[in-house]
Amino acid sequence: MSVFFLSNRNSCRSQMAEAILKNLDENLEIYSAGLDPVDHVSPIAIEVMKEIGIDLQPSVPKRSEEFLNHEFDYLITVGEGTLEELKIPSIRYKRKMHLGFRSPYKNSKSHDEIRDKCIKVRDELILELSYFYDHILKPQKE
C-alpha cells in the first residue's frame, strides 16, 4: 500500500502528514513532495511534531517530479484550495483525496501565531489520517 502526500512547498503540511501516517504504520510506503519545494522543513513544524514524539529533523523537502515513475494507491493533496484548483503533475495514482489546509504561514505575523496554526493543522491531520488508516487502509490490508 503506497500513499503520496502533495503540497506546494513540502515544508510543513505534507511533511507532517507523511510522518503521522508513518507513525501509524511503518510498513506502508509513504512519501511526500511539493510542487515548488523549499530547501528545508519548517522549524516550527519540527517543533510541534516533536511535542507528540515524532522527529521531522531528518526530513528534506522533495520535488514532485522525483515521483513521476511511481504509481501510488493514494494521492492525497494537503494544500490550500479545492482539489479542482490544484495543478497536480503527471503522478500516477489509483485514488485521489484532498485534505484542504491553509498554510500556517499565510497571513501570520508572529512565531506564536504560526505555531498555533501548525498545532491546529497537526491535530486535524492526526484525526483525519487516523480515520483514513483505521477505516480505509487497514481493512484493505486485512
N, C-alpha and C. Protein backbone atom coordinates (compact mmCIF):
# COMPACT_ATOMS: atom_id res chain seq x y z
N MET A 1 0.86 -1.16 0.00
CA MET A 1 0.00 0.00 0.00
C MET A 1 0.91 1.23 0.00
N SER A 2 0.69 2.13 -0.94
CA SER A 2 1.53 3.32 -1.04
C SER A 2 0.68 4.59 -1.05
N VAL A 3 1.18 5.60 -0.34
CA VAL A 3 0.47 6.87 -0.20
C VAL A 3 1.45 7.99 -0.50
N PHE A 4 0.98 8.96 -1.28
CA PHE A 4 1.80 10.10 -1.66
C PHE A 4 1.08 11.38 -1.26
N PHE A 5 1.72 12.18 -0.41
CA PHE A 5 1.17 13.47 0.01
C PHE A 5 1.79 14.57 -0.84
N LEU A 6 0.95 15.43 -1.37
CA LEU A 6 1.42 16.50 -2.24
C LEU A 6 0.96 17.85 -1.69
N SER A 7 1.88 18.79 -1.62
CA SER A 7 1.56 20.16 -1.20
C SER A 7 2.36 21.12 -2.08
N ASN A 8 2.30 22.38 -1.74
CA ASN A 8 3.03 23.36 -2.54
C ASN A 8 4.52 23.36 -2.25
N ARG A 9 4.90 23.48 -0.99
CA ARG A 9 6.30 23.66 -0.61
C ARG A 9 6.97 22.43 0.02
N ASN A 10 6.18 21.48 0.49
CA ASN A 10 6.70 20.28 1.17
C ASN A 10 7.58 20.65 2.37
N SER A 11 7.15 21.66 3.11
CA SER A 11 7.93 22.06 4.27
C SER A 11 7.16 21.93 5.58
N CYS A 12 5.84 21.76 5.51
CA CYS A 12 5.06 21.74 6.74
C CYS A 12 3.93 20.70 6.67
N ARG A 13 2.84 21.02 5.98
CA ARG A 13 1.64 20.16 5.99
C ARG A 13 1.91 18.77 5.47
N SER A 14 2.52 18.65 4.30
CA SER A 14 2.76 17.32 3.73
C SER A 14 3.81 16.55 4.53
N GLN A 15 4.79 17.26 5.08
CA GLN A 15 5.79 16.60 5.93
C GLN A 15 5.14 16.03 7.19
N MET A 16 4.25 16.83 7.80
CA MET A 16 3.56 16.34 9.00
C MET A 16 2.66 15.16 8.65
N ALA A 17 1.94 15.25 7.53
CA ALA A 17 1.04 14.16 7.13
C ALA A 17 1.82 12.87 6.90
N GLU A 18 2.92 12.97 6.18
CA GLU A 18 3.75 11.78 5.93
C GLU A 18 4.21 11.16 7.24
N ALA A 19 4.71 11.97 8.15
CA ALA A 19 5.23 11.46 9.42
C ALA A 19 4.13 10.86 10.30
N ILE A 20 2.96 11.48 10.31
CA ILE A 20 1.86 10.97 11.12
C ILE A 20 1.40 9.61 10.62
N LEU A 21 1.25 9.46 9.30
CA LEU A 21 0.81 8.18 8.76
C LEU A 21 1.89 7.10 8.95
N LYS A 22 3.16 7.47 8.78
CA LYS A 22 4.25 6.51 9.04
C LYS A 22 4.23 6.07 10.49
N ASN A 23 3.89 6.98 11.38
CA ASN A 23 3.82 6.66 12.80
C ASN A 23 2.70 5.66 13.09
N LEU A 24 1.63 5.71 12.29
CA LEU A 24 0.52 4.76 12.47
C LEU A 24 0.86 3.37 11.95
N ASP A 25 1.67 3.31 10.88
CA ASP A 25 2.02 2.01 10.30
C ASP A 25 3.31 2.15 9.50
N GLU A 26 4.40 1.70 10.08
CA GLU A 26 5.70 1.84 9.43
C GLU A 26 5.87 0.91 8.23
N ASN A 27 4.94 -0.01 8.02
CA ASN A 27 5.03 -0.92 6.89
C ASN A 27 4.44 -0.36 5.59
N LEU A 28 3.78 0.78 5.68
CA LEU A 28 3.24 1.42 4.48
C LEU A 28 4.35 2.16 3.75
N GLU A 29 4.21 2.28 2.44
CA GLU A 29 5.12 3.12 1.66
C GLU A 29 4.50 4.51 1.62
N ILE A 30 5.15 5.47 2.26
CA ILE A 30 4.58 6.81 2.37
C ILE A 30 5.63 7.83 1.95
N TYR A 31 5.22 8.74 1.08
CA TYR A 31 6.11 9.77 0.56
C TYR A 31 5.40 11.11 0.57
N SER A 32 6.18 12.17 0.50
CA SER A 32 5.60 13.49 0.32
C SER A 32 6.53 14.31 -0.57
N ALA A 33 5.93 15.29 -1.24
CA ALA A 33 6.71 16.18 -2.10
C ALA A 33 5.92 17.46 -2.31
N GLY A 34 6.59 18.42 -2.93
CA GLY A 34 5.96 19.70 -3.20
C GLY A 34 6.01 20.06 -4.67
N LEU A 35 5.07 20.88 -5.07
CA LEU A 35 5.06 21.40 -6.44
C LEU A 35 6.22 22.37 -6.65
N ASP A 36 6.52 23.14 -5.63
CA ASP A 36 7.61 24.12 -5.67
C ASP A 36 8.28 24.10 -4.29
N PRO A 37 9.05 23.03 -4.01
CA PRO A 37 9.57 22.84 -2.65
C PRO A 37 10.62 23.88 -2.25
N VAL A 38 10.68 24.11 -0.95
CA VAL A 38 11.71 24.97 -0.39
C VAL A 38 12.92 24.10 -0.02
N ASP A 39 13.93 24.70 0.58
CA ASP A 39 15.16 23.95 0.85
C ASP A 39 15.25 23.36 2.26
N HIS A 40 14.18 23.52 3.08
CA HIS A 40 14.23 22.99 4.44
C HIS A 40 12.82 22.75 4.97
N VAL A 41 12.73 21.87 5.92
CA VAL A 41 11.46 21.64 6.60
C VAL A 41 11.27 22.76 7.62
N SER A 42 10.06 23.21 7.77
CA SER A 42 9.73 24.28 8.70
C SER A 42 10.21 23.96 10.12
N PRO A 43 11.02 24.84 10.72
CA PRO A 43 11.45 24.60 12.10
C PRO A 43 10.26 24.55 13.08
N ILE A 44 9.20 25.28 12.76
CA ILE A 44 8.03 25.26 13.64
C ILE A 44 7.30 23.92 13.51
N ALA A 45 7.22 23.38 12.28
CA ALA A 45 6.62 22.06 12.09
C ALA A 45 7.44 21.01 12.85
N ILE A 46 8.76 21.12 12.79
CA ILE A 46 9.63 20.21 13.53
C ILE A 46 9.33 20.30 15.03
N GLU A 47 9.19 21.52 15.50
CA GLU A 47 8.92 21.78 16.92
C GLU A 47 7.58 21.17 17.38
N VAL A 48 6.51 21.40 16.62
CA VAL A 48 5.19 20.90 17.06
C VAL A 48 5.06 19.39 16.90
N MET A 49 5.78 18.82 15.95
CA MET A 49 5.75 17.36 15.81
C MET A 49 6.56 16.69 16.92
N LYS A 50 7.64 17.33 17.31
CA LYS A 50 8.46 16.78 18.40
C LYS A 50 7.64 16.68 19.69
N GLU A 51 6.70 17.61 19.87
CA GLU A 51 5.84 17.60 21.05
C GLU A 51 5.01 16.31 21.17
N ILE A 52 4.75 15.66 20.04
CA ILE A 52 3.98 14.40 20.07
C ILE A 52 4.88 13.19 19.80
N GLY A 53 6.20 13.41 19.90
CA GLY A 53 7.15 12.31 19.79
C GLY A 53 7.52 11.90 18.39
N ILE A 54 7.30 12.77 17.41
CA ILE A 54 7.67 12.47 16.03
C ILE A 54 8.75 13.44 15.59
N ASP A 55 9.86 12.90 15.07
CA ASP A 55 11.01 13.72 14.69
C ASP A 55 11.01 13.98 13.18
N LEU A 56 10.82 15.23 12.80
CA LEU A 56 10.89 15.61 11.38
C LEU A 56 12.29 16.07 10.99
N GLN A 57 13.19 16.15 11.94
CA GLN A 57 14.52 16.71 11.72
C GLN A 57 15.24 16.11 10.50
N PRO A 58 15.21 14.79 10.32
CA PRO A 58 15.96 14.25 9.18
C PRO A 58 15.29 14.46 7.82
N SER A 59 14.08 14.97 7.79
CA SER A 59 13.34 15.11 6.54
C SER A 59 13.87 16.27 5.69
N VAL A 60 13.75 16.09 4.38
CA VAL A 60 14.17 17.10 3.42
C VAL A 60 13.05 17.25 2.39
N PRO A 61 12.64 18.49 2.07
CA PRO A 61 11.61 18.66 1.04
C PRO A 61 12.06 18.07 -0.30
N LYS A 62 11.09 17.50 -1.00
CA LYS A 62 11.36 16.87 -2.30
C LYS A 62 10.47 17.48 -3.38
N ARG A 63 10.91 17.36 -4.61
CA ARG A 63 10.14 17.83 -5.76
C ARG A 63 9.19 16.73 -6.21
N SER A 64 7.99 17.11 -6.60
CA SER A 64 7.01 16.13 -7.07
C SER A 64 7.51 15.37 -8.30
N GLU A 65 8.35 16.02 -9.11
CA GLU A 65 8.87 15.38 -10.33
C GLU A 65 9.70 14.13 -10.03
N GLU A 66 10.22 14.02 -8.82
CA GLU A 66 11.01 12.85 -8.44
C GLU A 66 10.18 11.57 -8.43
N PHE A 67 8.86 11.72 -8.43
CA PHE A 67 7.97 10.57 -8.27
C PHE A 67 7.14 10.28 -9.52
N LEU A 68 7.53 10.82 -10.64
CA LEU A 68 6.76 10.62 -11.87
C LEU A 68 6.77 9.17 -12.35
N ASN A 69 7.76 8.39 -11.96
CA ASN A 69 7.85 6.99 -12.39
C ASN A 69 7.22 6.02 -11.40
N HIS A 70 6.60 6.53 -10.36
CA HIS A 70 5.93 5.68 -9.36
C HIS A 70 4.43 5.66 -9.63
N GLU A 71 3.79 4.61 -9.15
CA GLU A 71 2.33 4.60 -9.11
C GLU A 71 1.92 4.38 -7.65
N PHE A 72 1.01 5.21 -7.19
CA PHE A 72 0.59 5.17 -5.79
C PHE A 72 -0.84 4.68 -5.68
N ASP A 73 -1.13 4.03 -4.57
CA ASP A 73 -2.51 3.64 -4.30
C ASP A 73 -3.35 4.88 -4.00
N TYR A 74 -2.75 5.82 -3.26
CA TYR A 74 -3.46 7.05 -2.90
C TYR A 74 -2.57 8.27 -3.12
N LEU A 75 -3.13 9.27 -3.77
CA LEU A 75 -2.53 10.60 -3.84
C LEU A 75 -3.40 11.48 -2.96
N ILE A 76 -2.80 12.10 -1.96
CA ILE A 76 -3.54 12.96 -1.05
C ILE A 76 -2.93 14.36 -1.10
N THR A 77 -3.71 15.31 -1.54
CA THR A 77 -3.25 16.69 -1.57
C THR A 77 -3.62 17.35 -0.24
N VAL A 78 -2.71 18.15 0.29
CA VAL A 78 -2.93 18.79 1.58
C VAL A 78 -2.75 20.31 1.50
N GLY A 79 -2.85 20.85 0.32
CA GLY A 79 -2.67 22.29 0.15
C GLY A 79 -3.96 23.06 0.24
N GLU A 80 -3.83 24.35 0.02
CA GLU A 80 -4.99 25.24 0.03
C GLU A 80 -5.82 25.06 -1.23
N GLY A 81 -7.02 25.56 -1.18
CA GLY A 81 -7.88 25.50 -2.35
C GLY A 81 -8.62 24.19 -2.44
N THR A 82 -9.38 24.06 -3.50
CA THR A 82 -10.12 22.83 -3.73
C THR A 82 -9.30 21.92 -4.63
N LEU A 83 -9.66 20.68 -4.66
CA LEU A 83 -8.97 19.70 -5.49
C LEU A 83 -8.95 20.14 -6.94
N GLU A 84 -10.03 20.73 -7.41
CA GLU A 84 -10.12 21.15 -8.81
C GLU A 84 -9.16 22.30 -9.13
N GLU A 85 -8.82 23.10 -8.13
CA GLU A 85 -7.94 24.24 -8.35
C GLU A 85 -6.46 23.87 -8.36
N LEU A 86 -6.13 22.73 -7.80
CA LEU A 86 -4.73 22.34 -7.69
C LEU A 86 -4.18 21.82 -9.01
N LYS A 87 -2.97 22.19 -9.30
CA LYS A 87 -2.31 21.72 -10.53
C LYS A 87 -1.47 20.49 -10.18
N ILE A 88 -2.07 19.34 -10.35
CA ILE A 88 -1.41 18.09 -9.99
C ILE A 88 -0.56 17.62 -11.17
N PRO A 89 0.74 17.38 -10.92
CA PRO A 89 1.60 16.90 -12.00
C PRO A 89 1.20 15.50 -12.44
N SER A 90 1.85 14.98 -13.42
CA SER A 90 1.52 13.68 -14.00
C SER A 90 1.98 12.53 -13.12
N ILE A 91 1.48 12.50 -11.92
CA ILE A 91 1.78 11.41 -10.99
C ILE A 91 0.67 10.38 -11.12
N ARG A 92 1.07 9.12 -11.23
CA ARG A 92 0.07 8.07 -11.39
C ARG A 92 -0.44 7.61 -10.04
N TYR A 93 -1.73 7.43 -9.94
CA TYR A 93 -2.35 7.02 -8.70
C TYR A 93 -3.65 6.30 -9.02
N LYS A 94 -4.10 5.47 -8.07
CA LYS A 94 -5.35 4.75 -8.22
C LYS A 94 -6.52 5.54 -7.65
N ARG A 95 -6.29 6.22 -6.52
CA ARG A 95 -7.34 7.02 -5.87
C ARG A 95 -6.75 8.34 -5.44
N LYS A 96 -7.60 9.37 -5.47
CA LYS A 96 -7.14 10.71 -5.11
C LYS A 96 -8.05 11.28 -4.03
N MET A 97 -7.43 11.94 -3.04
CA MET A 97 -8.18 12.59 -1.96
C MET A 97 -7.60 13.98 -1.75
N HIS A 98 -8.41 14.84 -1.15
CA HIS A 98 -7.93 16.19 -0.85
C HIS A 98 -8.26 16.53 0.60
N LEU A 99 -7.26 16.92 1.34
CA LEU A 99 -7.43 17.43 2.70
C LEU A 99 -6.95 18.88 2.66
N GLY A 100 -7.87 19.80 2.57
CA GLY A 100 -7.52 21.21 2.40
C GLY A 100 -7.13 21.87 3.71
N PHE A 101 -5.89 22.28 3.80
CA PHE A 101 -5.39 23.00 4.97
C PHE A 101 -4.71 24.28 4.50
N ARG A 102 -5.09 25.39 5.11
CA ARG A 102 -4.41 26.65 4.81
C ARG A 102 -2.99 26.60 5.34
N SER A 103 -2.11 27.29 4.66
CA SER A 103 -0.74 27.38 5.12
C SER A 103 -0.69 28.11 6.46
N PRO A 104 -0.04 27.53 7.46
CA PRO A 104 0.09 28.22 8.75
C PRO A 104 0.86 29.53 8.64
N TYR A 105 1.64 29.66 7.58
CA TYR A 105 2.46 30.86 7.40
C TYR A 105 1.70 32.01 6.74
N LYS A 106 0.63 31.68 6.04
CA LYS A 106 -0.10 32.70 5.30
C LYS A 106 -0.83 33.64 6.27
N ASN A 107 -0.60 34.92 6.09
CA ASN A 107 -1.22 35.97 6.90
C ASN A 107 -0.90 35.88 8.39
N SER A 108 0.19 35.22 8.74
CA SER A 108 0.61 35.14 10.14
C SER A 108 1.70 36.16 10.40
N LYS A 109 1.63 36.78 11.56
CA LYS A 109 2.55 37.88 11.85
C LYS A 109 3.61 37.54 12.90
N SER A 110 3.44 36.43 13.60
CA SER A 110 4.41 36.12 14.65
C SER A 110 4.66 34.62 14.72
N HIS A 111 5.76 34.28 15.38
CA HIS A 111 6.11 32.88 15.61
C HIS A 111 4.98 32.17 16.35
N ASP A 112 4.44 32.81 17.38
CA ASP A 112 3.38 32.18 18.17
C ASP A 112 2.13 31.92 17.35
N GLU A 113 1.79 32.84 16.46
CA GLU A 113 0.61 32.66 15.61
C GLU A 113 0.82 31.50 14.64
N ILE A 114 2.00 31.44 14.05
CA ILE A 114 2.33 30.33 13.14
C ILE A 114 2.31 29.01 13.90
N ARG A 115 2.89 29.01 15.08
CA ARG A 115 2.94 27.80 15.90
C ARG A 115 1.54 27.32 16.25
N ASP A 116 0.66 28.23 16.65
CA ASP A 116 -0.72 27.86 16.97
C ASP A 116 -1.42 27.25 15.75
N LYS A 117 -1.21 27.83 14.58
CA LYS A 117 -1.82 27.30 13.36
C LYS A 117 -1.23 25.94 13.00
N CYS A 118 0.08 25.76 13.20
CA CYS A 118 0.71 24.46 12.94
C CYS A 118 0.15 23.38 13.86
N ILE A 119 -0.08 23.73 15.10
CA ILE A 119 -0.65 22.77 16.06
C ILE A 119 -2.06 22.38 15.61
N LYS A 120 -2.85 23.34 15.16
CA LYS A 120 -4.21 23.02 14.68
C LYS A 120 -4.16 22.10 13.47
N VAL A 121 -3.27 22.39 12.51
CA VAL A 121 -3.13 21.53 11.33
C VAL A 121 -2.67 20.14 11.76
N ARG A 122 -1.66 20.08 12.63
CA ARG A 122 -1.17 18.79 13.12
C ARG A 122 -2.29 17.97 13.75
N ASP A 123 -3.05 18.60 14.62
CA ASP A 123 -4.12 17.88 15.32
C ASP A 123 -5.23 17.43 14.36
N GLU A 124 -5.55 18.25 13.38
CA GLU A 124 -6.55 17.85 12.37
C GLU A 124 -6.01 16.71 11.52
N LEU A 125 -4.73 16.78 11.16
CA LEU A 125 -4.12 15.69 10.38
C LEU A 125 -4.15 14.39 11.16
N ILE A 126 -3.89 14.45 12.45
CA ILE A 126 -3.95 13.23 13.27
C ILE A 126 -5.35 12.62 13.21
N LEU A 127 -6.38 13.45 13.37
CA LEU A 127 -7.76 12.95 13.30
C LEU A 127 -8.09 12.37 11.93
N GLU A 128 -7.81 13.13 10.88
CA GLU A 128 -8.14 12.71 9.52
C GLU A 128 -7.38 11.44 9.13
N LEU A 129 -6.09 11.42 9.42
CA LEU A 129 -5.27 10.27 8.99
C LEU A 129 -5.51 9.04 9.85
N SER A 130 -5.87 9.23 11.11
CA SER A 130 -6.25 8.07 11.93
C SER A 130 -7.51 7.43 11.37
N TYR A 131 -8.47 8.25 11.00
CA TYR A 131 -9.70 7.72 10.40
C TYR A 131 -9.37 7.04 9.07
N PHE A 132 -8.59 7.69 8.21
CA PHE A 132 -8.19 7.14 6.92
C PHE A 132 -7.50 5.79 7.10
N TYR A 133 -6.60 5.71 8.06
CA TYR A 133 -5.89 4.46 8.30
C TYR A 133 -6.84 3.38 8.83
N ASP A 134 -7.59 3.70 9.88
CA ASP A 134 -8.44 2.71 10.52
C ASP A 134 -9.59 2.22 9.64
N HIS A 135 -10.17 3.10 8.83
CA HIS A 135 -11.37 2.76 8.07
C HIS A 135 -11.13 2.47 6.58
N ILE A 136 -10.00 2.88 6.07
CA ILE A 136 -9.75 2.67 4.64
C ILE A 136 -8.53 1.79 4.40
N LEU A 137 -7.36 2.19 4.93
CA LEU A 137 -6.15 1.43 4.65
C LEU A 137 -6.09 0.09 5.37
N LYS A 138 -6.36 0.09 6.65
CA LYS A 138 -6.24 -1.13 7.46
C LYS A 138 -7.15 -2.24 6.95
N PRO A 139 -8.43 -1.96 6.64
CA PRO A 139 -9.27 -3.03 6.09
C PRO A 139 -8.77 -3.58 4.76
N GLN A 140 -8.13 -2.76 3.95
CA GLN A 140 -7.60 -3.23 2.67
C GLN A 140 -6.39 -4.15 2.87
N LYS A 141 -5.66 -3.94 3.96
CA LYS A 141 -4.51 -4.77 4.24
C LYS A 141 -4.89 -6.14 4.79
N GLU A 142 -6.08 -6.22 5.39
CA GLU A 142 -6.50 -7.47 6.05
C GLU A 142 -7.05 -8.48 5.09
